[in-house]
């Protein structure tokens, strides 16, 4: 899958931000849906086994509902699973081009596991209809005096159908779990630039603490979306005839939801604590806090549903939980955007260079400014090299960027307040090539002044 990074083209800062936004939207669709599918199919398996052991028709109907809701049509699989999952691969390829990070490979194989898993689980759902048809036909034959070879053949085919659903369902669940883990690794590694070089194999992925934390966060979200989804889509909309059989399902839905609401605050705080220095930002903490408050609100609606079994409480709890999940997924995407902004500045500078080369080859005149011109026009209003002005003198701040020009360029493009004794630096609206030029000039000038001071 690494070839996708090779064919990706450097993009401007605006394009880069758009790619991060696309990745965020894809994640908000993909992760809750895949988690709901995984949890619902596991519960469907449980009820189908119960139906076979006890010959319980109502349990079989519940097992079918649990599979039918998340896998209703192939279009649902396509638009909620396949398309956003594939979109994440291309987003990682755009963000991580020209880096040694293996996130694209991880997400690519994760996508294959999820796609095959969804196909197997859709096949699992289809076996319910076949089994229902066979059961109806066998009941019809029982009313006749002679069943003969036809009934025996139906029983044999039904046994084969049972084995088929067991295999396809089991393999589908395993592949979904593997796919979720690989996507978790892709997210965790992308948000940690220091791991791009270090984590270059599946062994390194398995030994990464941040990967496992991300995996447990997604599993907790899966449990919550399953629990609230079951209560909203199935239990709260059940008929009086189904109440006896759905009592156990209600307990399971509440249990899944409670476990998720207890585990999520712990895993989310652990995830924030494991965030790399490059990804730390104020909005990250703010969004995580808002998400935790919404999870608490979802717990309030869950308690109300447990007390009154009112369908509106189940609906409110489901949508509030989904909103909280989306906010935390947005925080994850913000991690990626913040952590990779230095690399984005490098790509944007390359994009500007490619664009200028293209214009030159077409004979288009380009007006260029030197780094000194840009400094005199914009930077000198607030900064001097050896004296304090509106901002600190460059001789105090620039030496730490020696050998780290990409970080300086990234700061010029996206200034962040660092010293509380000075006002925040406004964004100067420079193009990446201009930021690169003025950054080079400032570094050269500071190095020259320091060398003279030593002499």
Protein backbone atom coordinates (compact mmCIF):
# COMPACT_ATOMS: atom_id res chain seq x y z
CA UNK A 1 0.00 0.00 0.00
CA UNK A 2 2.99 2.31 0.31
CA UNK A 3 2.79 3.01 -3.42
CA UNK A 4 -0.18 5.28 -2.64
CA UNK A 5 2.20 7.67 -0.87
CA UNK A 6 4.48 7.66 -3.90
CA UNK A 7 1.73 8.68 -6.32
CA UNK A 8 0.29 11.36 -4.00
CA UNK A 9 1.19 14.95 -4.88
CA UNK A 10 2.33 17.63 -2.42
CA UNK A 11 -0.57 19.89 -1.49
CA UNK A 12 -1.08 23.39 -0.22
CA UNK A 13 -1.90 24.11 3.41
CA UNK A 14 -5.56 24.61 2.45
CA UNK A 15 -5.65 21.25 0.67
CA UNK A 16 -3.95 19.61 3.63
CA UNK A 17 -6.59 20.95 6.02
CA UNK A 18 -9.28 19.66 3.67
CA UNK A 19 -7.70 16.19 3.71
CA UNK A 20 -7.69 16.20 7.53
CA UNK A 21 -11.36 17.26 7.49
CA UNK A 22 -12.23 14.43 5.10
CA UNK A 23 -10.43 11.97 7.37
CA UNK A 24 -12.42 13.29 10.36
CA UNK A 25 -15.77 12.96 8.59
CA UNK A 26 -14.89 9.47 7.31
CA UNK A 27 -13.90 8.40 10.83
CA UNK A 28 -17.15 9.73 12.32
CA UNK A 29 -19.10 7.55 9.89
CA UNK A 30 -16.84 4.50 9.79
CA UNK A 31 -15.87 3.81 13.41
CA UNK A 32 -19.33 3.96 15.09
CA UNK A 33 -20.87 1.89 12.28
CA UNK A 34 -18.21 -0.84 12.33
CA UNK A 35 -18.41 -0.96 16.11
CA UNK A 36 -22.21 -1.33 15.97
CA UNK A 37 -21.91 -4.13 13.40
CA UNK A 38 -19.36 -5.99 15.52
CA UNK A 39 -21.36 -5.82 18.74
CA UNK A 40 -24.71 -6.60 17.10
CA UNK A 41 -23.39 -9.68 15.31
CA UNK A 42 -21.82 -11.00 18.52
CA UNK A 43 -25.22 -10.66 20.22
CA UNK A 44 -26.94 -12.21 17.18
CA UNK A 45 -24.65 -15.22 17.51
CA UNK A 46 -25.61 -15.58 21.14
CA UNK A 47 -29.34 -15.57 20.43
CA UNK A 48 -29.06 -17.89 17.46
CA UNK A 49 -27.22 -20.46 19.55
CA UNK A 50 -29.93 -20.11 22.21
CA UNK A 51 -32.64 -20.54 19.57
CA UNK A 52 -31.04 -23.74 18.27
CA UNK A 53 -30.57 -25.26 21.73
CA UNK A 54 -34.04 -24.37 23.02
CA UNK A 55 -35.90 -24.45 19.70
CA UNK A 56 -36.98 -20.91 20.57
CA UNK A 57 -38.61 -19.14 17.61
CA UNK A 58 -38.65 -15.73 19.32
CA UNK A 59 -34.91 -15.94 20.12
CA UNK A 60 -34.28 -16.74 16.45
CA UNK A 61 -36.33 -13.68 15.45
CA UNK A 62 -34.25 -11.47 17.78
CA UNK A 63 -31.03 -12.92 16.35
CA UNK A 64 -32.26 -11.99 12.87
CA UNK A 65 -33.17 -8.45 13.98
CA UNK A 66 -29.71 -7.98 15.49
CA UNK A 67 -28.14 -8.90 12.16
CA UNK A 68 -30.70 -7.09 10.03
CA UNK A 69 -30.45 -3.63 11.64
CA UNK A 70 -26.76 -2.88 10.90
CA UNK A 71 -26.61 -4.98 7.69
CA UNK A 72 -29.95 -4.05 6.21
CA UNK A 73 -28.84 -3.63 2.60
CA UNK A 74 -25.65 -3.70 0.57
CA UNK A 75 -25.98 0.06 0.13
CA UNK A 76 -25.70 0.51 3.91
CA UNK A 77 -22.47 -1.52 3.91
CA UNK A 78 -21.14 0.50 0.98
CA UNK A 79 -21.88 4.02 2.25
CA UNK A 80 -21.26 3.49 5.97
CA UNK A 81 -18.43 0.96 5.82
CA UNK A 82 -16.63 0.54 2.50
CA UNK A 83 -16.46 4.13 1.17
CA UNK A 84 -15.39 5.88 4.42
CA UNK A 85 -12.93 3.04 5.15
CA UNK A 86 -11.31 3.48 1.74
CA UNK A 87 -11.35 7.27 2.14
CA UNK A 88 -9.21 6.95 5.28
CA UNK A 89 -6.52 5.07 3.31
CA UNK A 90 -6.21 7.85 0.74
CA UNK A 91 -6.27 10.50 3.49
CA UNK A 92 -3.34 8.82 5.26
CA UNK A 93 -1.52 8.56 1.92
CA UNK A 94 -1.91 12.29 1.30
CA UNK A 95 -0.90 13.30 4.83
CA UNK A 96 2.09 10.94 5.12
CA UNK A 97 3.61 11.16 1.64
CA UNK A 98 7.42 11.12 1.60
CA UNK A 99 7.54 9.77 5.19
CA UNK A 100 8.57 6.28 6.41
CA UNK A 101 5.30 5.89 8.39
CA UNK A 102 3.50 2.57 7.78
CA UNK A 103 0.02 3.91 8.55
CA UNK A 104 -1.08 3.59 4.92
CA UNK A 105 -0.14 -0.09 4.84
CA UNK A 106 -1.87 -0.72 8.17
CA UNK A 107 -5.07 1.02 7.10
CA UNK A 108 -4.95 -0.74 3.71
CA UNK A 109 -4.84 -4.21 5.23
CA UNK A 110 -7.36 -3.08 7.85
CA UNK A 111 -9.69 -2.09 5.03
CA UNK A 112 -9.33 -5.49 3.36
CA UNK A 113 -10.14 -7.23 6.66
CA UNK A 114 -13.19 -5.02 7.25
CA UNK A 115 -14.47 -5.37 3.66
CA UNK A 116 -14.18 -9.18 3.67
CA UNK A 117 -15.61 -9.31 7.19
CA UNK A 118 -18.66 -7.28 6.19
CA UNK A 119 -19.23 -9.52 3.16
CA UNK A 120 -19.08 -12.63 5.37
CA UNK A 121 -21.44 -11.11 7.93
CA UNK A 122 -23.88 -10.12 5.20
CA UNK A 123 -23.80 -13.76 4.08
CA UNK A 124 -24.42 -14.75 7.69
CA UNK A 125 -27.53 -12.56 7.73
CA UNK A 126 -28.81 -14.14 4.53
CA UNK A 127 -28.76 -17.61 6.11
CA UNK A 128 -31.65 -16.54 8.36
CA UNK A 129 -33.94 -16.19 5.36
CA UNK A 130 -32.87 -19.54 3.95
CA UNK A 131 -33.40 -21.22 7.29
CA UNK A 132 -36.80 -19.58 7.70
CA UNK A 133 -37.87 -20.81 4.28
CA UNK A 134 -36.63 -24.34 5.02
CA UNK A 135 -38.40 -24.41 8.38
CA UNK A 136 -41.67 -23.32 6.78
CA UNK A 137 -41.35 -25.95 4.06
CA UNK A 138 -40.53 -28.70 6.56
CA UNK A 139 -43.60 -27.73 8.62
CA UNK A 140 -45.71 -28.04 5.48
CA UNK A 141 -44.33 -31.52 4.83
CA UNK A 142 -45.22 -32.59 8.34
CA UNK A 143 -48.88 -32.13 7.49
CA UNK A 144 -48.51 -34.72 4.74
CA UNK A 145 -48.53 -38.42 5.38
CA UNK A 146 -45.33 -39.19 3.49
CA UNK A 147 -42.27 -37.00 3.83
CA UNK A 148 -39.89 -39.39 2.09
CA UNK A 149 -36.56 -38.26 0.73
CA UNK A 150 -37.68 -34.62 0.36
CA UNK A 151 -37.82 -34.01 4.12
CA UNK A 152 -34.51 -35.79 4.65
CA UNK A 153 -32.94 -33.62 1.98
CA UNK A 154 -34.30 -30.47 3.59
CA UNK A 155 -32.92 -31.46 6.98
CA UNK A 156 -29.51 -32.18 5.43
CA UNK A 157 -29.49 -28.82 3.61
CA UNK A 158 -30.57 -27.01 6.78
CA UNK A 159 -27.68 -28.60 8.67
CA UNK A 160 -25.26 -27.41 5.98
CA UNK A 161 -26.81 -23.92 6.13
CA UNK A 162 -26.24 -23.86 9.92
CA UNK A 163 -22.57 -24.76 9.44
CA UNK A 164 -22.23 -22.07 6.78
CA UNK A 165 -23.63 -19.31 8.99
CA UNK A 166 -21.39 -20.43 11.87
CA UNK A 167 -18.25 -20.26 9.71
CA UNK A 168 -19.09 -17.00 7.93
CA UNK A 169 -20.17 -15.30 11.16
CA UNK A 170 -17.10 -16.43 13.12
CA UNK A 171 -14.64 -15.44 10.42
CA UNK A 172 -16.46 -12.15 9.89
CA UNK A 173 -16.19 -11.21 13.57
CA UNK A 174 -12.49 -12.12 13.67
CA UNK A 175 -11.74 -10.09 10.54
CA UNK A 176 -13.61 -7.06 11.90
CA UNK A 177 -11.57 -7.21 15.11
CA UNK A 178 -8.31 -7.44 13.17
CA UNK A 179 -9.42 -4.60 10.87
CA UNK A 180 -10.33 -2.35 13.82
CA UNK A 181 -6.93 -3.02 15.41
CA UNK A 182 -5.07 -2.14 12.21
CA UNK A 183 -7.06 1.08 11.79
CA UNK A 184 -6.36 1.89 15.45
CA UNK A 185 -2.64 1.47 14.78
CA UNK A 186 -2.87 3.69 11.70
CA UNK A 187 -4.53 6.50 13.68
CA UNK A 188 -2.11 6.21 16.62
CA UNK A 189 1.04 6.19 14.49
CA UNK A 190 -0.08 9.06 12.25
CA UNK A 191 -0.61 11.29 15.30
CA UNK A 192 2.91 10.53 16.59
CA UNK A 193 5.63 11.70 14.16
CA UNK A 194 8.39 10.37 16.39
CA UNK A 195 7.11 6.83 15.72
CA UNK A 196 7.24 7.16 11.92
CA UNK A 197 10.85 5.99 11.81
CA UNK A 198 10.84 3.74 14.87
CA UNK A 199 7.68 1.67 14.27
CA UNK A 200 8.33 -0.05 10.96
CA UNK A 201 6.87 -3.54 11.52
CA UNK A 202 3.86 -5.29 12.98
CA UNK A 203 5.98 -6.25 15.99
CA UNK A 204 6.60 -2.57 16.73
CA UNK A 205 2.87 -1.93 16.36
CA UNK A 206 2.04 -4.67 18.85
CA UNK A 207 4.51 -3.20 21.34
CA UNK A 208 3.11 0.34 21.06
CA UNK A 209 1.20 1.55 24.13
CA UNK A 210 -0.63 4.29 22.20
CA UNK A 211 -1.89 1.75 19.64
CA UNK A 212 -3.45 -0.46 22.31
CA UNK A 213 -4.99 2.53 24.07
CA UNK A 214 -6.56 3.64 20.78
CA UNK A 215 -7.80 0.08 20.16
CA UNK A 216 -9.46 -0.09 23.59
CA UNK A 217 -11.07 3.32 23.04
CA UNK A 218 -12.62 2.09 19.78
CA UNK A 219 -13.77 -1.16 21.43
CA UNK A 220 -15.40 0.86 24.21
CA UNK A 221 -17.12 3.04 21.60
CA UNK A 222 -18.23 -0.17 19.87
CA UNK A 223 -19.75 -1.50 23.09
CA UNK A 224 -21.57 1.78 23.72
CA UNK A 225 -22.90 2.15 20.19
CA UNK A 226 -24.06 -1.47 20.32
CA UNK A 227 -25.74 -1.13 23.70
CA UNK A 228 -27.54 2.12 22.94
CA UNK A 229 -28.27 0.99 19.37
CA UNK A 230 -29.90 -2.23 20.55
CA UNK A 231 -32.02 -0.37 23.09
CA UNK A 232 -33.09 2.22 20.52
CA UNK A 233 -33.53 0.18 17.33
CA UNK A 234 -34.84 -3.12 18.75
CA UNK A 235 -35.91 -3.14 22.41
CA UNK A 236 -37.75 0.23 22.51
CA UNK A 237 -39.60 -0.64 19.27
CA UNK A 238 -40.63 -4.17 20.25
CA UNK A 239 -44.22 -5.41 20.35
CA UNK A 240 -46.00 -6.79 23.40
CA UNK A 241 -45.63 -10.34 22.07
CA UNK A 242 -41.84 -10.00 22.10
CA UNK A 243 -41.42 -8.49 25.55
CA UNK A 244 -40.61 -11.77 27.31
CA UNK A 245 -37.84 -12.68 24.88
CA UNK A 246 -36.47 -9.12 24.73
CA UNK A 247 -36.12 -8.78 28.51
CA UNK A 248 -32.72 -10.49 28.41
CA UNK A 249 -31.69 -8.41 25.38
CA UNK A 250 -32.59 -5.24 27.26
CA UNK A 251 -30.34 -6.31 30.14
CA UNK A 252 -27.51 -6.99 27.71
CA UNK A 253 -28.00 -3.61 25.98
CA UNK A 254 -27.95 -1.78 29.31
CA UNK A 255 -24.91 -3.80 30.40
CA UNK A 256 -22.99 -2.97 27.21
CA UNK A 257 -23.86 0.71 27.60
CA UNK A 258 -22.85 0.85 31.27
CA UNK A 259 -19.52 -0.89 30.59
CA UNK A 260 -18.78 1.56 27.77
CA UNK A 261 -19.66 4.59 29.90
CA UNK A 262 -17.43 3.34 32.74
CA UNK A 263 -14.47 2.40 30.54
CA UNK A 264 -14.51 5.35 28.11
CA UNK A 265 -13.47 8.09 30.59
CA UNK A 266 -10.50 5.99 31.68
CA UNK A 267 -9.36 5.08 28.17
CA UNK A 268 -9.91 8.61 26.83
CA UNK A 269 -7.85 10.15 29.64
CA UNK A 270 -5.14 7.54 29.03
CA UNK A 271 -5.24 8.41 25.34
CA UNK A 272 -4.84 12.12 26.05
CA UNK A 273 -1.97 11.36 28.44
CA UNK A 274 -0.21 9.34 25.72
CA UNK A 275 -0.52 12.08 23.08
CA UNK A 276 2.83 13.07 21.59
CA UNK A 277 4.26 16.51 22.32
CA UNK A 278 3.72 17.49 18.68
CA UNK A 279 -0.05 16.84 18.96
CA UNK A 280 -0.78 18.67 22.22
CA UNK A 281 -3.14 21.63 21.86
CA UNK A 282 -5.81 23.49 23.80
CA UNK A 283 -8.71 22.41 21.55
CA UNK A 284 -7.72 18.77 22.12
CA UNK A 285 -8.36 19.08 25.86
CA UNK A 286 -11.50 21.11 25.28
CA UNK A 287 -13.06 18.60 22.88
CA UNK A 288 -12.15 15.69 25.14
CA UNK A 289 -13.80 17.47 28.07
CA UNK A 290 -16.97 18.18 26.07
CA UNK A 291 -17.08 14.53 24.99
CA UNK A 292 -16.81 13.33 28.59
CA UNK A 293 -19.66 15.64 29.64
CA UNK A 294 -21.84 14.24 26.84
CA UNK A 295 -21.03 10.68 27.89
CA UNK A 296 -22.22 11.62 31.38
CA UNK A 297 -25.42 13.00 29.84
CA UNK A 298 -25.90 9.76 27.89
CA UNK A 299 -25.57 7.89 31.21
CA UNK A 300 -28.36 10.10 32.59
CA UNK A 301 -30.68 9.12 29.72
CA UNK A 302 -29.72 5.46 30.19
CA UNK A 303 -30.72 5.67 33.84
CA UNK A 304 -34.02 7.27 32.83
CA UNK A 305 -34.69 4.48 30.35
CA UNK A 306 -33.84 1.83 32.94
CA UNK A 307 -36.34 3.38 35.32
CA UNK A 308 -39.22 4.02 32.91
CA UNK A 309 -38.40 1.99 29.75
CA UNK A 310 -39.52 5.02 27.75
CA UNK A 311 -38.50 4.94 24.09
CA UNK A 312 -37.64 8.65 24.06
CA UNK A 313 -34.96 8.11 26.71
CA UNK A 314 -33.42 5.34 24.61
CA UNK A 315 -33.44 7.58 21.53
CA UNK A 316 -31.92 10.53 23.42
CA UNK A 317 -29.25 8.33 24.96
CA UNK A 318 -28.34 6.84 21.58
CA UNK A 319 -27.98 10.19 19.80
CA UNK A 320 -26.13 11.88 22.68
CA UNK A 321 -23.70 8.95 22.86
CA UNK A 322 -23.21 9.13 19.09
CA UNK A 323 -22.55 12.89 19.33
CA UNK A 324 -20.02 12.34 22.12
CA UNK A 325 -18.27 9.66 20.02
CA UNK A 326 -18.10 12.03 17.03
CA UNK A 327 -16.62 14.81 19.18
CA UNK A 328 -13.89 12.52 20.48
CA UNK A 329 -13.18 11.27 16.96
CA UNK A 330 -12.86 14.93 15.94
CA UNK A 331 -10.33 15.38 18.75
CA UNK A 332 -8.34 12.46 17.31
CA UNK A 333 -8.34 14.11 13.89
CA UNK A 334 -7.20 17.34 15.54
CA UNK A 335 -4.29 15.35 17.00
CA UNK A 336 -3.27 14.32 13.51
CA UNK A 337 -3.62 17.85 12.13
CA UNK A 338 -1.55 19.38 14.94
CA UNK A 339 1.11 16.66 15.01
CA UNK A 340 1.75 16.76 11.27
CA UNK A 341 1.63 20.51 10.67
CA UNK A 342 5.43 20.66 10.39
CA UNK A 343 5.36 17.99 7.70
CA UNK A 344 2.43 19.80 6.08
CA UNK A 345 4.53 22.97 5.84
CA UNK A 346 7.28 21.00 4.07
CA UNK A 347 4.77 19.51 1.63
CA UNK A 348 3.21 22.90 1.05
CA UNK A 349 6.60 24.43 0.28
CA UNK A 350 7.23 21.64 -2.20
CA UNK A 351 3.80 22.30 -3.70
CA UNK A 352 4.65 25.98 -4.13
CA UNK A 353 7.97 25.10 -5.74
CA UNK A 354 6.30 22.69 -8.16
CA UNK A 355 3.71 25.33 -9.01
CA UNK A 356 6.37 27.97 -9.63
CA UNK A 357 8.38 25.54 -11.79
CA UNK A 358 5.25 24.86 -13.82
CA UNK A 359 4.59 28.57 -14.28
CA UNK A 360 8.20 29.13 -15.29
CA UNK A 361 8.02 26.34 -17.86
CA UNK A 362 4.87 27.96 -19.27
CA UNK A 363 6.58 31.36 -19.48
CA UNK A 364 4.51 32.99 -16.74
CA UNK A 365 6.36 35.81 -14.97
CA UNK A 366 6.60 35.30 -11.20
CA UNK A 367 7.27 38.14 -8.77
CA UNK A 368 9.50 36.83 -5.99
CA UNK A 369 10.58 38.38 -2.70
CA UNK A 370 13.71 37.49 -0.81
CA UNK A 371 13.65 36.48 2.84
CA UNK A 372 15.16 39.85 3.73
CA UNK A 373 12.40 41.65 1.82
CA UNK A 374 9.73 39.74 3.73
CA UNK A 375 11.48 40.39 7.06
CA UNK A 376 11.69 44.12 6.41
CA UNK A 377 8.07 44.28 5.23
CA UNK A 378 6.41 42.18 7.93
CA UNK A 379 8.65 40.85 10.69
CA UNK A 380 10.67 43.98 11.56
CA UNK A 381 7.53 45.75 12.83
CA UNK A 382 7.55 43.48 15.90
CA UNK A 383 10.97 41.77 15.95
CA UNK A 384 14.59 42.87 15.98
CA UNK A 385 17.56 40.57 16.13
CA UNK A 386 19.28 41.94 19.22
CA UNK A 387 16.64 44.05 20.97
CA UNK A 388 13.27 43.49 22.54
CA UNK A 389 10.44 45.13 20.63
CA UNK A 390 6.80 43.98 20.51
CA UNK A 391 8.12 40.42 20.40
CA UNK A 392 11.30 38.88 21.81
CA UNK A 393 14.68 39.41 20.08
CA UNK A 394 15.54 36.74 17.56
CA UNK A 395 18.90 36.05 19.24
CA UNK A 396 16.94 34.62 22.20
CA UNK A 397 14.37 32.54 20.33
CA UNK A 398 15.84 31.44 16.99
CA UNK A 399 18.91 29.42 18.18
CA UNK A 400 16.62 26.59 19.35
CA UNK A 401 15.54 26.12 15.71
CA UNK A 402 19.09 25.49 14.52
CA UNK A 403 18.90 22.44 12.26
CA UNK A 404 15.09 22.47 12.59
CA UNK A 405 14.05 24.86 9.86
CA UNK A 406 10.84 22.91 9.13
CA UNK A 407 9.65 23.59 12.70
CA UNK A 408 10.39 27.31 12.31
CA UNK A 409 8.56 27.43 8.97
CA UNK A 410 5.61 25.60 10.54
CA UNK A 411 5.51 28.17 13.38
CA UNK A 412 5.64 31.08 10.92
CA UNK A 413 2.71 29.60 8.99
CA UNK A 414 0.72 28.68 12.11
CA UNK A 415 1.95 30.82 15.04
CA UNK A 416 1.15 29.55 18.54
CA UNK A 417 1.51 31.59 21.74
CA UNK A 418 4.49 30.24 23.70
CA UNK A 419 5.80 33.01 25.99
CA UNK A 420 3.12 34.56 28.26
CA UNK A 421 5.19 37.76 28.62
CA UNK A 422 4.63 38.65 24.95
CA UNK A 423 1.41 39.07 22.94
CA UNK A 424 0.48 36.26 20.52
CA UNK A 425 2.00 36.52 17.07
CA UNK A 426 -0.65 37.12 14.38
CA UNK A 427 -0.69 34.99 11.26
CA UNK A 428 1.10 36.94 8.52
CA UNK A 429 -0.67 35.19 5.64
CA UNK A 430 2.58 34.05 4.03
CA UNK A 431 2.75 31.35 1.43
CA UNK A 432 4.83 28.30 2.40
CA UNK A 433 7.61 29.29 -0.01
CA UNK A 434 7.72 32.78 1.53
CA UNK A 435 7.76 31.35 5.07
CA UNK A 436 10.61 29.06 4.03
CA UNK A 437 12.51 32.00 2.54
CA UNK A 438 12.17 34.28 5.57
CA UNK A 439 12.93 31.36 7.91
CA UNK A 440 16.18 30.67 6.04
CA UNK A 441 17.12 34.35 6.15
CA UNK A 442 16.49 34.66 9.90
CA UNK A 443 18.47 31.49 10.65
CA UNK A 444 21.42 32.69 8.54
CA UNK A 445 21.38 36.15 10.12
CA UNK A 446 21.21 34.81 13.66
CA UNK A 447 24.04 32.35 12.98
CA UNK A 448 26.14 35.18 11.56
CA UNK A 449 25.50 37.45 14.56
CA UNK A 450 26.29 34.68 17.04
CA UNK A 451 29.54 33.81 15.28
CA UNK A 452 30.62 37.47 15.39
CA UNK A 453 29.79 37.64 19.10
CA UNK A 454 31.98 34.61 19.78
CA UNK A 455 34.91 36.20 17.92
